[in-house]
Amino acid sequence: AAAEAAGLTVLDLREARLRTVFHDVAAVVYFLRKVVWTVPGFTVE
């Protein structure tokens, strides 16, 4: 809708649901620090 409202014509739209696996909590902490919208305002404490 936003693309069309700006005057663009949409040629392609595809979706995917992707399995993501965390093997330890260090990986979780790193991910949440980097991908900040997952948990806004995330800190370890």
ModelCIF file with pLDDT and N, C-alpha, C, O atoms, coordinates in Angstrom:
data_MODEL
#
_entry.id   MODEL 
#
_entity.id                         1 
_entity.type                       polymer 
_entity.pdbx_number_of_molecules   1 
#
_entity_poly.entity_id                      1 
_entity_poly.type                           'polypeptide(L)' 
_entity_poly.nstd_linkage                   no 
_entity_poly.nstd_monomer                   no 
_entity_poly.pdbx_seq_one_letter_code       AAAEAAGLTVLDLREARLRTVFHDVAAVVYFLRKVVWTVPGFTVE 
_entity_poly.pdbx_seq_one_letter_code_can   AAAEAAGLTVLDLREARLRTVFHDVAAVVYFLRKVVWTVPGFTVE 
_entity_poly.pdbx_strand_id                 A 
#
loop_
_entity_poly_seq.entity_id 
_entity_poly_seq.num 
_entity_poly_seq.mon_id 
_entity_poly_seq.hetero 
1 1  ALA n 
1 2  ALA n 
1 3  ALA n 
1 4  GLU n 
1 5  ALA n 
1 6  ALA n 
1 7  GLY n 
1 8  LEU n 
1 9  THR n 
1 10 VAL n 
1 11 LEU n 
1 12 ASP n 
1 13 LEU n 
1 14 ARG n 
1 15 GLU n 
1 16 ALA n 
1 17 ARG n 
1 18 LEU n 
1 19 ARG n 
1 20 THR n 
1 21 VAL n 
1 22 PHE n 
1 23 HIS n 
1 24 ASP n 
1 25 VAL n 
1 26 ALA n 
1 27 ALA n 
1 28 VAL n 
1 29 VAL n 
1 30 TYR n 
1 31 PHE n 
1 32 LEU n 
1 33 ARG n 
1 34 LYS n 
1 35 VAL n 
1 36 VAL n 
1 37 TRP n 
1 38 THR n 
1 39 VAL n 
1 40 PRO n 
1 41 GLY n 
1 42 PHE n 
1 43 THR n 
1 44 VAL n 
1 45 GLU n 
#
_struct_asym.id          A 
_struct_asym.entity_id   1 
#
loop_
_ma_qa_metric.id 
_ma_qa_metric.mode 
_ma_qa_metric.name 
_ma_qa_metric.software_group_id 
_ma_qa_metric.type 
1 global pLDDT . pLDDT 
2 local  pLDDT . pLDDT 
#
_ma_qa_metric_global.metric_id      1 
_ma_qa_metric_global.metric_value   97.00 
_ma_qa_metric_global.model_id       1 
_ma_qa_metric_global.ordinal_id     1 
#
loop_
_ma_qa_metric_local.label_asym_id 
_ma_qa_metric_local.label_comp_id 
_ma_qa_metric_local.label_seq_id 
_ma_qa_metric_local.metric_id 
_ma_qa_metric_local.metric_value 
_ma_qa_metric_local.model_id 
_ma_qa_metric_local.ordinal_id 
A ALA 1  2 98.00 1 1  
A ALA 2  2 98.00 1 2  
A ALA 3  2 98.00 1 3  
A GLU 4  2 98.00 1 4  
A ALA 5  2 98.00 1 5  
A ALA 6  2 98.00 1 6  
A GLY 7  2 98.00 1 7  
A LEU 8  2 98.00 1 8  
A THR 9  2 98.00 1 9  
A VAL 10 2 98.00 1 10 
A LEU 11 2 98.00 1 11 
A ASP 12 2 98.00 1 12 
A LEU 13 2 98.00 1 13 
A ARG 14 2 98.00 1 14 
A GLU 15 2 98.00 1 15 
A ALA 16 2 98.00 1 16 
A ARG 17 2 98.00 1 17 
A LEU 18 2 98.00 1 18 
A ARG 19 2 98.00 1 19 
A THR 20 2 98.00 1 20 
A VAL 21 2 98.00 1 21 
A PHE 22 2 98.00 1 22 
A HIS 23 2 97.00 1 23 
A ASP 24 2 96.00 1 24 
A VAL 25 2 97.00 1 25 
A ALA 26 2 97.00 1 26 
A ALA 27 2 97.00 1 27 
A VAL 28 2 98.00 1 28 
A VAL 29 2 98.00 1 29 
A TYR 30 2 97.00 1 30 
A PHE 31 2 97.00 1 31 
A LEU 32 2 98.00 1 32 
A ARG 33 2 97.00 1 33 
A LYS 34 2 93.00 1 34 
A VAL 35 2 92.00 1 35 
A VAL 36 2 91.00 1 36 
A TRP 37 2 91.00 1 37 
A THR 38 2 95.00 1 38 
A VAL 39 2 97.00 1 39 
A PRO 40 2 96.00 1 40 
A GLY 41 2 96.00 1 41 
A PHE 42 2 98.00 1 42 
A THR 43 2 97.00 1 43 
A VAL 44 2 97.00 1 44 
A GLU 45 2 97.00 1 45 
#
loop_
_atom_site.group_PDB 
_atom_site.id 
_atom_site.type_symbol 
_atom_site.label_atom_id 
_atom_site.label_alt_id 
_atom_site.label_comp_id 
_atom_site.label_asym_id 
_atom_site.label_entity_id 
_atom_site.label_seq_id 
_atom_site.pdbx_PDB_ins_code 
_atom_site.Cartn_x 
_atom_site.Cartn_y 
_atom_site.Cartn_z 
_atom_site.occupancy 
_atom_site.B_iso_or_equiv 
_atom_site.pdbx_formal_charge 
_atom_site.auth_seq_id 
_atom_site.auth_comp_id 
_atom_site.auth_asym_id 
_atom_site.auth_atom_id 
_atom_site.pdbx_PDB_model_num 
ATOM 1   N N  . ALA A 1 1  ? 0.828  -1.210  0.000  1.00 98.00 ? 1  ALA A N  1 
ATOM 2   C CA . ALA A 1 1  ? 0.000  0.000   0.000  1.00 98.00 ? 1  ALA A CA 1 
ATOM 3   C C  . ALA A 1 1  ? 0.860  1.257   0.000  1.00 98.00 ? 1  ALA A C  1 
ATOM 4   O O  . ALA A 1 1  ? 0.548  2.218   -0.703 1.00 98.00 ? 1  ALA A O  1 
ATOM 5   N N  . ALA A 1 2  ? 1.949  1.263   0.786  1.00 98.00 ? 2  ALA A N  1 
ATOM 6   C CA . ALA A 1 2  ? 2.824  2.434   0.850  1.00 98.00 ? 2  ALA A CA 1 
ATOM 7   C C  . ALA A 1 2  ? 3.551  2.649   -0.464 1.00 98.00 ? 2  ALA A C  1 
ATOM 8   O O  . ALA A 1 2  ? 3.704  3.786   -0.911 1.00 98.00 ? 2  ALA A O  1 
ATOM 9   N N  . ALA A 1 3  ? 3.999  1.569   -1.085 1.00 98.00 ? 3  ALA A N  1 
ATOM 10  C CA . ALA A 1 3  ? 4.669  1.677   -2.384 1.00 98.00 ? 3  ALA A CA 1 
ATOM 11  C C  . ALA A 1 3  ? 3.723  2.273   -3.423 1.00 98.00 ? 3  ALA A C  1 
ATOM 12  O O  . ALA A 1 3  ? 4.099  3.172   -4.174 1.00 98.00 ? 3  ALA A O  1 
ATOM 13  N N  . GLU A 1 4  ? 2.512  1.774   -3.458 1.00 98.00 ? 4  GLU A N  1 
ATOM 14  C CA . GLU A 1 4  ? 1.552  2.258   -4.445 1.00 98.00 ? 4  GLU A CA 1 
ATOM 15  C C  . GLU A 1 4  ? 1.153  3.702   -4.169 1.00 98.00 ? 4  GLU A C  1 
ATOM 16  O O  . GLU A 1 4  ? 0.951  4.481   -5.100 1.00 98.00 ? 4  GLU A O  1 
ATOM 17  N N  . ALA A 1 5  ? 1.039  4.063   -2.886 1.00 98.00 ? 5  ALA A N  1 
ATOM 18  C CA . ALA A 1 5  ? 0.708  5.441   -2.547 1.00 98.00 ? 5  ALA A CA 1 
ATOM 19  C C  . ALA A 1 5  ? 1.809  6.410   -2.990 1.00 98.00 ? 5  ALA A C  1 
ATOM 20  O O  . ALA A 1 5  ? 1.531  7.573   -3.284 1.00 98.00 ? 5  ALA A O  1 
ATOM 21  N N  . ALA A 1 6  ? 3.057  5.931   -3.037 1.00 98.00 ? 6  ALA A N  1 
ATOM 22  C CA . ALA A 1 6  ? 4.174  6.767   -3.488 1.00 98.00 ? 6  ALA A CA 1 
ATOM 23  C C  . ALA A 1 6  ? 4.294  6.818   -5.005 1.00 98.00 ? 6  ALA A C  1 
ATOM 24  O O  . ALA A 1 6  ? 5.151  7.523   -5.539 1.00 98.00 ? 6  ALA A O  1 
ATOM 25  N N  . GLY A 1 7  ? 3.434  6.070   -5.703 1.00 98.00 ? 7  GLY A N  1 
ATOM 26  C CA . GLY A 1 7  ? 3.454  6.089   -7.157 1.00 98.00 ? 7  GLY A CA 1 
ATOM 27  C C  . GLY A 1 7  ? 4.226  4.961   -7.799 1.00 98.00 ? 7  GLY A C  1 
ATOM 28  O O  . GLY A 1 7  ? 4.466  4.990   -9.006 1.00 98.00 ? 7  GLY A O  1 
ATOM 29  N N  . LEU A 1 8  ? 4.621  3.967   -7.024 1.00 98.00 ? 8  LEU A N  1 
ATOM 30  C CA . LEU A 1 8  ? 5.353  2.822   -7.549 1.00 98.00 ? 8  LEU A CA 1 
ATOM 31  C C  . LEU A 1 8  ? 4.400  1.674   -7.875 1.00 98.00 ? 8  LEU A C  1 
ATOM 32  O O  . LEU A 1 8  ? 3.304  1.585   -7.323 1.00 98.00 ? 8  LEU A O  1 
ATOM 33  N N  . THR A 1 9  ? 4.832  0.809   -8.771 1.00 98.00 ? 9  THR A N  1 
ATOM 34  C CA . THR A 1 9  ? 4.078  -0.389  -9.126 1.00 98.00 ? 9  THR A CA 1 
ATOM 35  C C  . THR A 1 9  ? 4.813  -1.611  -8.579 1.00 98.00 ? 9  THR A C  1 
ATOM 36  O O  . THR A 1 9  ? 5.979  -1.830  -8.909 1.00 98.00 ? 9  THR A O  1 
ATOM 37  N N  . VAL A 1 10 ? 4.153  -2.397  -7.758 1.00 98.00 ? 10 VAL A N  1 
ATOM 38  C CA . VAL A 1 10 ? 4.778  -3.576  -7.156 1.00 98.00 ? 10 VAL A CA 1 
ATOM 39  C C  . VAL A 1 10 ? 4.803  -4.720  -8.171 1.00 98.00 ? 10 VAL A C  1 
ATOM 40  O O  . VAL A 1 10 ? 3.775  -5.101  -8.729 1.00 98.00 ? 10 VAL A O  1 
ATOM 41  N N  . LEU A 1 11 ? 6.005  -5.256  -8.394 1.00 98.00 ? 11 LEU A N  1 
ATOM 42  C CA . LEU A 1 11 ? 6.193  -6.340  -9.342 1.00 98.00 ? 11 LEU A CA 1 
ATOM 43  C C  . LEU A 1 11 ? 6.257  -7.708  -8.670 1.00 98.00 ? 11 LEU A C  1 
ATOM 44  O O  . LEU A 1 11 ? 5.862  -8.713  -9.262 1.00 98.00 ? 11 LEU A O  1 
ATOM 45  N N  . ASP A 1 12 ? 6.756  -7.747  -7.429 1.00 98.00 ? 12 ASP A N  1 
ATOM 46  C CA . ASP A 1 12 ? 6.990  -9.037  -6.774 1.00 98.00 ? 12 ASP A CA 1 
ATOM 47  C C  . ASP A 1 12 ? 6.839  -8.863  -5.274 1.00 98.00 ? 12 ASP A C  1 
ATOM 48  O O  . ASP A 1 12 ? 7.260  -7.850  -4.716 1.00 98.00 ? 12 ASP A O  1 
ATOM 49  N N  . LEU A 1 13 ? 6.238  -9.851  -4.618 1.00 98.00 ? 13 LEU A N  1 
ATOM 50  C CA . LEU A 1 13 ? 6.105  -9.864  -3.164 1.00 98.00 ? 13 LEU A CA 1 
ATOM 51  C C  . LEU A 1 13 ? 6.156  -11.321 -2.722 1.00 98.00 ? 13 LEU A C  1 
ATOM 52  O O  . LEU A 1 13 ? 5.356  -12.142 -3.169 1.00 98.00 ? 13 LEU A O  1 
ATOM 53  N N  . ARG A 1 14 ? 7.108  -11.636 -1.837 1.00 98.00 ? 14 ARG A N  1 
ATOM 54  C CA . ARG A 1 14 ? 7.252  -13.009 -1.341 1.00 98.00 ? 14 ARG A CA 1 
ATOM 55  C C  . ARG A 1 14 ? 7.511  -12.968 0.159  1.00 98.00 ? 14 ARG A C  1 
ATOM 56  O O  . ARG A 1 14 ? 8.067  -11.997 0.672  1.00 98.00 ? 14 ARG A O  1 
ATOM 57  N N  . GLU A 1 15 ? 7.106  -14.024 0.862  1.00 98.00 ? 15 GLU A N  1 
ATOM 58  C CA . GLU A 1 15 ? 7.307  -14.129 2.301  1.00 98.00 ? 15 GLU A CA 1 
ATOM 59  C C  . GLU A 1 15 ? 8.022  -15.423 2.649  1.00 98.00 ? 15 GLU A C  1 
ATOM 60  O O  . GLU A 1 15 ? 7.954  -16.401 1.905  1.00 98.00 ? 15 GLU A O  1 
ATOM 61  N N  . ALA A 1 16 ? 8.721  -15.421 3.803  1.00 98.00 ? 16 ALA A N  1 
ATOM 62  C CA . ALA A 1 16 ? 9.384  -16.631 4.286  1.00 98.00 ? 16 ALA A CA 1 
ATOM 63  C C  . ALA A 1 16 ? 9.398  -16.651 5.809  1.00 98.00 ? 16 ALA A C  1 
ATOM 64  O O  . ALA A 1 16 ? 9.568  -15.616 6.453  1.00 98.00 ? 16 ALA A O  1 
ATOM 65  N N  . ARG A 1 17 ? 9.217  -17.835 6.376  1.00 98.00 ? 17 ARG A N  1 
ATOM 66  C CA . ARG A 1 17 ? 9.324  -18.076 7.818  1.00 98.00 ? 17 ARG A CA 1 
ATOM 67  C C  . ARG A 1 17 ? 10.544 -18.980 8.015  1.00 98.00 ? 17 ARG A C  1 
ATOM 68  O O  . ARG A 1 17 ? 10.584 -20.092 7.489  1.00 98.00 ? 17 ARG A O  1 
ATOM 69  N N  . LEU A 1 18 ? 11.529 -18.509 8.765  1.00 98.00 ? 18 LEU A N  1 
ATOM 70  C CA . LEU A 1 18 ? 12.860 -19.099 8.776  1.00 98.00 ? 18 LEU A CA 1 
ATOM 71  C C  . LEU A 1 18 ? 13.235 -19.592 10.171 1.00 98.00 ? 18 LEU A C  1 
ATOM 72  O O  . LEU A 1 18 ? 13.244 -18.816 11.127 1.00 98.00 ? 18 LEU A O  1 
ATOM 73  N N  . ARG A 1 19 ? 13.540 -20.865 10.283 1.00 98.00 ? 19 ARG A N  1 
ATOM 74  C CA . ARG A 1 19 ? 13.875 -21.461 11.572 1.00 98.00 ? 19 ARG A CA 1 
ATOM 75  C C  . ARG A 1 19 ? 15.224 -20.922 12.066 1.00 98.00 ? 19 ARG A C  1 
ATOM 76  O O  . ARG A 1 19 ? 16.220 -20.937 11.343 1.00 98.00 ? 19 ARG A O  1 
ATOM 77  N N  . THR A 1 20 ? 15.229 -20.451 13.302 1.00 98.00 ? 20 THR A N  1 
ATOM 78  C CA . THR A 1 20 ? 16.422 -19.870 13.922 1.00 98.00 ? 20 THR A CA 1 
ATOM 79  C C  . THR A 1 20 ? 16.698 -20.605 15.230 1.00 98.00 ? 20 THR A C  1 
ATOM 80  O O  . THR A 1 20 ? 15.795 -20.783 16.048 1.00 98.00 ? 20 THR A O  1 
ATOM 81  N N  . VAL A 1 21 ? 17.952 -21.034 15.430 1.00 98.00 ? 21 VAL A N  1 
ATOM 82  C CA . VAL A 1 21 ? 18.309 -21.893 16.565 1.00 98.00 ? 21 VAL A CA 1 
ATOM 83  C C  . VAL A 1 21 ? 19.428 -21.234 17.369 1.00 98.00 ? 21 VAL A C  1 
ATOM 84  O O  . VAL A 1 21 ? 20.450 -20.835 16.809 1.00 98.00 ? 21 VAL A O  1 
ATOM 85  N N  . PHE A 1 22 ? 19.230 -21.121 18.687 1.00 98.00 ? 22 PHE A N  1 
ATOM 86  C CA . PHE A 1 22 ? 20.239 -20.585 19.601 1.00 98.00 ? 22 PHE A CA 1 
ATOM 87  C C  . PHE A 1 22 ? 20.731 -21.715 20.494 1.00 98.00 ? 22 PHE A C  1 
ATOM 88  O O  . PHE A 1 22 ? 19.941 -22.377 21.168 1.00 98.00 ? 22 PHE A O  1 
ATOM 89  N N  . HIS A 1 23 ? 22.046 -21.927 20.492 1.00 97.00 ? 23 HIS A N  1 
ATOM 90  C CA . HIS A 1 23 ? 22.626 -23.031 21.254 1.00 97.00 ? 23 HIS A CA 1 
ATOM 91  C C  . HIS A 1 23 ? 23.062 -22.637 22.657 1.00 97.00 ? 23 HIS A C  1 
ATOM 92  O O  . HIS A 1 23 ? 23.264 -23.507 23.504 1.00 97.00 ? 23 HIS A O  1 
ATOM 93  N N  . ASP A 1 24 ? 23.210 -21.337 22.921 1.00 96.00 ? 24 ASP A N  1 
ATOM 94  C CA . ASP A 1 24 ? 23.543 -20.914 24.286 1.00 96.00 ? 24 ASP A CA 1 
ATOM 95  C C  . ASP A 1 24 ? 23.066 -19.487 24.509 1.00 96.00 ? 24 ASP A C  1 
ATOM 96  O O  . ASP A 1 24 ? 22.711 -18.782 23.564 1.00 96.00 ? 24 ASP A O  1 
ATOM 97  N N  . VAL A 1 25 ? 23.062 -19.075 25.769 1.00 97.00 ? 25 VAL A N  1 
ATOM 98  C CA . VAL A 1 25 ? 22.502 -17.769 26.107 1.00 97.00 ? 25 VAL A CA 1 
ATOM 99  C C  . VAL A 1 25 ? 23.428 -16.629 25.683 1.00 97.00 ? 25 VAL A C  1 
ATOM 100 O O  . VAL A 1 25 ? 22.963 -15.498 25.535 1.00 97.00 ? 25 VAL A O  1 
ATOM 101 N N  . ALA A 1 26 ? 24.724 -16.889 25.484 1.00 97.00 ? 26 ALA A N  1 
ATOM 102 C CA . ALA A 1 26 ? 25.614 -15.852 24.954 1.00 97.00 ? 26 ALA A CA 1 
ATOM 103 C C  . ALA A 1 26 ? 25.164 -15.428 23.564 1.00 97.00 ? 26 ALA A C  1 
ATOM 104 O O  . ALA A 1 26 ? 25.185 -14.242 23.236 1.00 97.00 ? 26 ALA A O  1 
ATOM 105 N N  . ALA A 1 27 ? 24.756 -16.398 22.745 1.00 97.00 ? 27 ALA A N  1 
ATOM 106 C CA . ALA A 1 27 ? 24.255 -16.079 21.407 1.00 97.00 ? 27 ALA A CA 1 
ATOM 107 C C  . ALA A 1 27 ? 22.994 -15.230 21.491 1.00 97.00 ? 27 ALA A C  1 
ATOM 108 O O  . ALA A 1 27 ? 22.806 -14.313 20.692 1.00 97.00 ? 27 ALA A O  1 
ATOM 109 N N  . VAL A 1 28 ? 22.136 -15.531 22.450 1.00 98.00 ? 28 VAL A N  1 
ATOM 110 C CA . VAL A 1 28 ? 20.909 -14.749 22.643 1.00 98.00 ? 28 VAL A CA 1 
ATOM 111 C C  . VAL A 1 28 ? 21.257 -13.306 23.023 1.00 98.00 ? 28 VAL A C  1 
ATOM 112 O O  . VAL A 1 28 ? 20.695 -12.364 22.464 1.00 98.00 ? 28 VAL A O  1 
ATOM 113 N N  . VAL A 1 29 ? 22.173 -13.136 23.962 1.00 98.00 ? 29 VAL A N  1 
ATOM 114 C CA . VAL A 1 29 ? 22.561 -11.793 24.404 1.00 98.00 ? 29 VAL A CA 1 
ATOM 115 C C  . VAL A 1 29 ? 23.147 -10.995 23.236 1.00 98.00 ? 29 VAL A C  1 
ATOM 116 O O  . VAL A 1 29 ? 22.773 -9.841  23.023 1.00 98.00 ? 29 VAL A O  1 
ATOM 117 N N  . TYR A 1 30 ? 24.043 -11.593 22.499 1.00 97.00 ? 30 TYR A N  1 
ATOM 118 C CA . TYR A 1 30 ? 24.642 -10.914 21.346 1.00 97.00 ? 30 TYR A CA 1 
ATOM 119 C C  . TYR A 1 30 ? 23.564 -10.514 20.349 1.00 97.00 ? 30 TYR A C  1 
ATOM 120 O O  . TYR A 1 30 ? 23.561 -9.381  19.867 1.00 97.00 ? 30 TYR A O  1 
ATOM 121 N N  . PHE A 1 31 ? 22.655 -11.420 20.034 1.00 97.00 ? 31 PHE A N  1 
ATOM 122 C CA . PHE A 1 31 ? 21.598 -11.148 19.066 1.00 97.00 ? 31 PHE A CA 1 
ATOM 123 C C  . PHE A 1 31 ? 20.710 -9.991  19.530 1.00 97.00 ? 31 PHE A C  1 
ATOM 124 O O  . PHE A 1 31 ? 20.382 -9.104  18.741 1.00 97.00 ? 31 PHE A O  1 
ATOM 125 N N  . LEU A 1 32 ? 20.324 -9.999  20.798 1.00 98.00 ? 32 LEU A N  1 
ATOM 126 C CA . LEU A 1 32 ? 19.438 -8.953  21.302 1.00 98.00 ? 32 LEU A CA 1 
ATOM 127 C C  . LEU A 1 32 ? 20.126 -7.594  21.376 1.00 98.00 ? 32 LEU A C  1 
ATOM 128 O O  . LEU A 1 32 ? 19.468 -6.564  21.236 1.00 98.00 ? 32 LEU A O  1 
ATOM 129 N N  . ARG A 1 33 ? 21.431 -7.575  21.591 1.00 97.00 ? 33 ARG A N  1 
ATOM 130 C CA . ARG A 1 33 ? 22.174 -6.320  21.569 1.00 97.00 ? 33 ARG A CA 1 
ATOM 131 C C  . ARG A 1 33 ? 22.279 -5.765  20.152 1.00 97.00 ? 33 ARG A C  1 
ATOM 132 O O  . ARG A 1 33 ? 22.318 -4.550  19.958 1.00 97.00 ? 33 ARG A O  1 
ATOM 133 N N  . LYS A 1 34 ? 22.323 -6.648  19.174 1.00 93.00 ? 34 LYS A N  1 
ATOM 134 C CA . LYS A 1 34 ? 22.550 -6.242  17.794 1.00 93.00 ? 34 LYS A CA 1 
ATOM 135 C C  . LYS A 1 34 ? 21.236 -5.947  17.064 1.00 93.00 ? 34 LYS A C  1 
ATOM 136 O O  . LYS A 1 34 ? 21.132 -4.955  16.343 1.00 93.00 ? 34 LYS A O  1 
ATOM 137 N N  . VAL A 1 35 ? 20.253 -6.798  17.252 1.00 92.00 ? 35 VAL A N  1 
ATOM 138 C CA . VAL A 1 35 ? 18.965 -6.658  16.571 1.00 92.00 ? 35 VAL A CA 1 
ATOM 139 C C  . VAL A 1 35 ? 18.008 -6.018  17.565 1.00 92.00 ? 35 VAL A C  1 
ATOM 140 O O  . VAL A 1 35 ? 17.184 -6.697  18.176 1.00 92.00 ? 35 VAL A O  1 
ATOM 141 N N  . VAL A 1 36 ? 18.126 -4.712  17.718 1.00 91.00 ? 36 VAL A N  1 
ATOM 142 C CA . VAL A 1 36 ? 17.592 -4.014  18.894 1.00 91.00 ? 36 VAL A CA 1 
ATOM 143 C C  . VAL A 1 36 ? 16.066 -3.967  18.938 1.00 91.00 ? 36 VAL A C  1 
ATOM 144 O O  . VAL A 1 36 ? 15.489 -3.750  20.003 1.00 91.00 ? 36 VAL A O  1 
ATOM 145 N N  . TRP A 1 37 ? 15.402 -4.169  17.794 1.00 91.00 ? 37 TRP A N  1 
ATOM 146 C CA . TRP A 1 37 ? 13.933 -4.097  17.807 1.00 91.00 ? 37 TRP A CA 1 
ATOM 147 C C  . TRP A 1 37 ? 13.297 -5.378  18.350 1.00 91.00 ? 37 TRP A C  1 
ATOM 148 O O  . TRP A 1 37 ? 12.090 -5.401  18.593 1.00 91.00 ? 37 TRP A O  1 
ATOM 149 N N  . THR A 1 38 ? 14.082 -6.446  18.547 1.00 95.00 ? 38 THR A N  1 
ATOM 150 C CA . THR A 1 38 ? 13.515 -7.695  19.071 1.00 95.00 ? 38 THR A CA 1 
ATOM 151 C C  . THR A 1 38 ? 13.001 -7.489  20.488 1.00 95.00 ? 38 THR A C  1 
ATOM 152 O O  . THR A 1 38 ? 11.895 -7.913  20.823 1.00 95.00 ? 38 THR A O  1 
ATOM 153 N N  . VAL A 1 39 ? 13.809 -6.835  21.321 1.00 97.00 ? 39 VAL A N  1 
ATOM 154 C CA . VAL A 1 39 ? 13.418 -6.466  22.685 1.00 97.00 ? 39 VAL A CA 1 
ATOM 155 C C  . VAL A 1 39 ? 13.892 -5.028  22.893 1.00 97.00 ? 39 VAL A C  1 
ATOM 156 O O  . VAL A 1 39 ? 15.018 -4.821  23.345 1.00 97.00 ? 39 VAL A O  1 
ATOM 157 N N  . PRO A 1 40 ? 13.068 -4.034  22.578 1.00 96.00 ? 40 PRO A N  1 
ATOM 158 C CA . PRO A 1 40 ? 13.500 -2.638  22.711 1.00 96.00 ? 40 PRO A CA 1 
ATOM 159 C C  . PRO A 1 40 ? 13.994 -2.324  24.124 1.00 96.00 ? 40 PRO A C  1 
ATOM 160 O O  . PRO A 1 40 ? 13.360 -2.692  25.113 1.00 96.00 ? 40 PRO A O  1 
ATOM 161 N N  . GLY A 1 41 ? 15.137 -1.639  24.197 1.00 96.00 ? 41 GLY A N  1 
ATOM 162 C CA . GLY A 1 41 ? 15.701 -1.285  25.489 1.00 96.00 ? 41 GLY A CA 1 
ATOM 163 C C  . GLY A 1 41 ? 16.391 -2.426  26.198 1.00 96.00 ? 41 GLY A C  1 
ATOM 164 O O  . GLY A 1 41 ? 16.619 -2.357  27.405 1.00 96.00 ? 41 GLY A O  1 
ATOM 165 N N  . PHE A 1 42 ? 16.730 -3.483  25.466 1.00 98.00 ? 42 PHE A N  1 
ATOM 166 C CA . PHE A 1 42 ? 17.368 -4.643  26.101 1.00 98.00 ? 42 PHE A CA 1 
ATOM 167 C C  . PHE A 1 42 ? 18.710 -4.283  26.724 1.00 98.00 ? 42 PHE A C  1 
ATOM 168 O O  . PHE A 1 42 ? 19.534 -3.614  26.100 1.00 98.00 ? 42 PHE A O  1 
ATOM 169 N N  . THR A 1 43 ? 18.925 -4.731  27.957 1.00 97.00 ? 43 THR A N  1 
ATOM 170 C CA . THR A 1 43 ? 20.235 -4.793  28.586 1.00 97.00 ? 43 THR A CA 1 
ATOM 171 C C  . THR A 1 43 ? 20.306 -6.095  29.370 1.00 97.00 ? 43 THR A C  1 
ATOM 172 O O  . THR A 1 43 ? 19.280 -6.641  29.777 1.00 97.00 ? 43 THR A O  1 
ATOM 173 N N  . VAL A 1 44 ? 21.506 -6.583  29.577 1.00 97.00 ? 44 VAL A N  1 
ATOM 174 C CA . VAL A 1 44 ? 21.678 -7.828  30.329 1.00 97.00 ? 44 VAL A CA 1 
ATOM 175 C C  . VAL A 1 44 ? 21.122 -7.687  31.735 1.00 97.00 ? 44 VAL A C  1 
ATOM 176 O O  . VAL A 1 44 ? 20.435 -8.586  32.219 1.00 97.00 ? 44 VAL A O  1 
ATOM 177 N N  . GLU A 1 45 ? 21.406 -6.583  32.392 1.00 97.00 ? 45 GLU A N  1 
ATOM 178 C CA . GLU A 1 45 ? 20.957 -6.421  33.780 1.00 97.00 ? 45 GLU A CA 1 
ATOM 179 C C  . GLU A 1 45 ? 19.437 -6.357  33.869 1.00 97.00 ? 45 GLU A C  1 
ATOM 180 O O  . GLU A 1 45 ? 18.889 -6.222  34.963 1.00 97.00 ? 45 GLU A O  1 
#
